[in-house]
Amino acid sequence: IGNFAHMPVWFFQHVGRELRFIDYLQHPDADLSFIANYMRQTEYSFGKHYLPHDGTTKQLGLKNQSVKEMLESLGVRNIHIVPRTNDVARDIETRCKPILQRCWFDEKKCQAGIESLDNYRKEWDDRLGVWKDKARGDIFSHGADAFRTFALGYSPVQDEMQDFDDLDDD
């Protein structure tokens, strides 16, 4: 999860066969309170929330709580931790690219997220003149990694059948 300023949030809804990405949040001053407040202000109905594999890691900066625990204390429920994978390239080929065919993006609200997906690149090795196996770690990689977390965690059968719970007010 790392630095909160680089912790983007995609908002999506499932409509028919489409996955509609209706909003995107990545703010330099964002912390977990900021994100939870933003979610409340949207008045969206929320179902499942996907966090990457390190969402359960205790962090000193969060009073020795995990991001999952902190979000739950801020009223965010139904958090799903997406397991770590060892092959990002395979994740992109087998999960991200196929799911992109079903995605619709709000051009205005998701502009920064779309730019992240469009500009996600592997890192170039000048010395060897080849592409490295890892992604270039820049501002765009965070939004693309957040989309990959969604693609790995989303399960159409489970998620489409699930009742949606609103963000708690407590």
Protein backbone atom coordinates (compact mmCIF):
# COMPACT_ATOMS: atom_id res chain seq x y z
CA ILE A 1 0.00 0.00 0.00
CA GLY A 2 2.87 2.35 0.75
CA ASN A 3 2.44 6.11 0.64
CA PHE A 4 -1.21 7.21 0.90
CA ALA A 5 -0.67 9.95 -1.70
CA HIS A 6 -0.12 7.11 -4.14
CA MET A 7 -3.06 5.00 -2.99
CA PRO A 8 -5.61 5.41 -5.77
CA VAL A 9 -9.20 4.30 -5.45
CA TRP A 10 -11.30 3.14 -8.39
CA PHE A 11 -15.10 3.24 -8.02
CA PHE A 12 -17.04 0.85 -10.23
CA GLN A 13 -20.46 -0.67 -10.66
CA HIS A 14 -21.51 -3.81 -12.43
CA VAL A 15 -24.33 -3.22 -14.94
CA GLY A 16 -25.30 -6.12 -17.20
CA ARG A 17 -22.06 -7.38 -18.74
CA GLU A 18 -20.32 -4.02 -18.25
CA LEU A 19 -18.02 -2.96 -15.47
CA ARG A 20 -18.57 0.77 -15.23
CA PHE A 21 -15.76 2.72 -13.64
CA ILE A 22 -17.58 5.82 -12.50
CA ASP A 23 -14.99 7.63 -10.39
CA TYR A 24 -11.30 7.65 -9.47
CA LEU A 25 -9.56 9.18 -6.47
CA GLN A 26 -5.85 9.82 -6.15
CA HIS A 27 -5.10 12.92 -4.13
CA PRO A 28 -1.67 14.03 -2.85
CA ASP A 29 -3.11 14.90 0.58
CA ALA A 30 -5.18 11.74 0.91
CA ASP A 31 -4.96 9.66 4.03
CA LEU A 32 -7.43 6.99 5.05
CA SER A 33 -9.76 9.51 6.75
CA PHE A 34 -9.78 11.60 3.58
CA ILE A 35 -10.65 8.53 1.51
CA ALA A 36 -13.44 7.38 3.88
CA ASN A 37 -14.91 10.91 3.96
CA TYR A 38 -14.77 11.13 0.17
CA MET A 39 -16.64 7.83 -0.02
CA ARG A 40 -19.36 9.12 2.33
CA GLN A 41 -19.71 12.34 0.34
CA THR A 42 -20.23 10.50 -2.95
CA GLU A 43 -23.45 8.91 -1.67
CA TYR A 44 -22.61 5.83 -3.74
CA SER A 45 -23.81 2.45 -2.52
CA PHE A 46 -20.85 0.24 -1.76
CA GLY A 47 -20.36 -3.48 -2.07
CA LYS A 48 -16.94 -5.06 -1.86
CA HIS A 49 -13.73 -3.09 -1.28
CA TYR A 50 -10.52 -4.59 -2.63
CA LEU A 51 -7.19 -4.01 -0.93
CA PRO A 52 -3.84 -5.39 -2.07
CA HIS A 53 -2.08 -8.17 -0.21
CA ASP A 54 -0.40 -5.79 2.24
CA GLY A 55 -3.71 -4.35 3.45
CA THR A 56 -3.47 -6.46 6.62
CA THR A 57 0.13 -5.48 7.46
CA LYS A 58 0.35 -3.54 10.73
CA GLN A 59 1.91 -0.10 10.27
CA LEU A 60 3.43 2.10 12.95
CA GLY A 61 2.09 5.23 11.22
CA LEU A 62 -1.42 3.86 11.74
CA LYS A 63 -0.98 3.30 15.49
CA ASN A 64 0.12 -0.28 14.77
CA GLN A 65 -3.07 -1.02 12.86
CA SER A 66 -3.41 -2.34 9.34
CA VAL A 67 -5.01 -0.33 6.56
CA LYS A 68 -7.93 -2.78 6.69
CA GLU A 69 -8.39 -2.23 10.44
CA MET A 70 -8.12 1.54 10.08
CA LEU A 71 -10.66 1.65 7.24
CA GLU A 72 -13.03 -0.52 9.27
CA SER A 73 -12.68 1.89 12.21
CA LEU A 74 -13.67 4.66 9.75
CA GLY A 75 -16.84 2.80 8.75
CA VAL A 76 -15.69 1.03 5.59
CA ARG A 77 -17.03 -2.53 5.59
CA ASN A 78 -16.81 -5.62 3.39
CA ILE A 79 -13.08 -5.36 2.71
CA HIS A 80 -11.51 -8.13 0.66
CA ILE A 81 -7.73 -8.66 0.69
CA VAL A 82 -6.44 -9.73 -2.72
CA PRO A 83 -3.63 -12.27 -2.35
CA ARG A 84 -0.16 -11.46 -3.62
CA THR A 85 0.84 -12.92 -6.95
CA ASN A 86 4.31 -13.58 -8.27
CA ASP A 87 3.86 -12.75 -11.93
CA VAL A 88 2.59 -9.25 -12.77
CA ALA A 89 2.92 -9.87 -16.53
CA ARG A 90 0.72 -12.96 -16.26
CA ASP A 91 -1.80 -11.02 -14.15
CA ILE A 92 -2.02 -8.39 -16.88
CA GLU A 93 -2.40 -10.94 -19.69
CA THR A 94 -4.84 -13.31 -17.96
CA ARG A 95 -6.92 -10.94 -15.82
CA CYS A 96 -6.49 -7.25 -16.72
CA LYS A 97 -6.62 -7.38 -20.51
CA PRO A 98 -9.66 -9.70 -20.71
CA ILE A 99 -11.59 -7.70 -18.12
CA LEU A 100 -10.79 -4.39 -19.86
CA GLN A 101 -13.00 -5.51 -22.75
CA ARG A 102 -15.99 -5.29 -20.40
CA CYS A 103 -15.03 -1.92 -18.88
CA TRP A 104 -16.59 1.44 -19.46
CA PHE A 105 -14.87 4.51 -17.96
CA ASP A 106 -16.39 7.87 -17.09
CA GLU A 107 -14.07 10.02 -19.19
CA LYS A 108 -14.18 13.01 -16.87
CA LYS A 109 -14.22 11.49 -13.37
CA CYS A 110 -11.71 8.76 -14.25
CA GLN A 111 -9.36 10.91 -16.34
CA ALA A 112 -6.32 10.44 -14.04
CA GLY A 113 -6.98 6.70 -13.76
CA ILE A 114 -7.31 6.34 -17.52
CA GLU A 115 -3.99 8.19 -17.90
CA SER A 116 -2.44 5.69 -15.46
CA LEU A 117 -3.65 2.75 -17.53
CA ASP A 118 -2.58 4.38 -20.81
CA ASN A 119 0.91 5.22 -19.51
CA TYR A 120 1.73 2.06 -17.56
CA ARG A 121 5.05 0.79 -18.91
CA LYS A 122 7.77 -1.68 -18.25
CA GLU A 123 11.12 -0.28 -17.26
CA TRP A 124 13.77 -0.08 -20.02
CA ASP A 125 17.29 -1.33 -19.35
CA ASP A 126 19.60 1.03 -21.28
CA ARG A 127 22.66 -1.08 -20.56
CA LEU A 128 21.20 -4.29 -22.02
CA GLY A 129 18.82 -2.65 -24.49
CA VAL A 130 15.82 -4.72 -23.34
CA TRP A 131 12.62 -4.30 -21.36
CA LYS A 132 12.90 -5.36 -17.73
CA ASP A 133 10.35 -7.71 -16.20
CA LYS A 134 9.12 -5.07 -13.78
CA ALA A 135 7.01 -1.99 -14.34
CA ARG A 136 8.46 1.49 -14.28
CA GLY A 137 7.75 2.83 -10.79
CA ASP A 138 6.22 6.20 -11.61
CA ILE A 139 2.99 8.08 -10.86
CA PHE A 140 1.13 5.95 -13.42
CA SER A 141 2.04 2.60 -11.91
CA HIS A 142 -0.10 3.18 -8.82
CA GLY A 143 -3.39 3.56 -10.68
CA ALA A 144 -2.58 0.61 -12.93
CA ASP A 145 -1.68 -1.53 -9.90
CA ALA A 146 -4.97 -0.57 -8.26
CA PHE A 147 -6.81 -1.70 -11.40
CA ARG A 148 -4.83 -4.96 -11.35
CA THR A 149 -5.84 -5.47 -7.71
CA PHE A 150 -9.47 -5.09 -8.77
CA ALA A 151 -9.03 -7.46 -11.72
CA LEU A 152 -7.46 -10.11 -9.50
CA GLY A 153 -10.01 -9.76 -6.72
CA TYR A 154 -13.21 -9.36 -8.73
CA SER A 155 -15.26 -12.50 -9.07
CA PRO A 156 -18.37 -11.89 -11.20
CA VAL A 157 -20.43 -14.70 -9.72
CA GLN A 158 -19.71 -13.81 -6.09
CA ASP A 159 -19.74 -10.04 -6.50
CA GLU A 160 -22.87 -9.83 -8.65
CA MET A 161 -24.88 -11.91 -6.19
CA GLN A 162 -23.73 -10.06 -3.11
CA ASP A 163 -26.03 -7.67 -1.29
CA PHE A 164 -24.63 -4.16 -1.17
CA ASP A 165 -23.99 -2.53 2.17
CA ASP A 166 -23.77 1.23 2.51
CA LEU A 167 -20.76 2.82 4.13
CA ASP A 168 -21.50 2.95 7.87
CA ASP A 169 -21.94 6.38 9.44
CA ASP A 170 -20.26 5.47 12.75
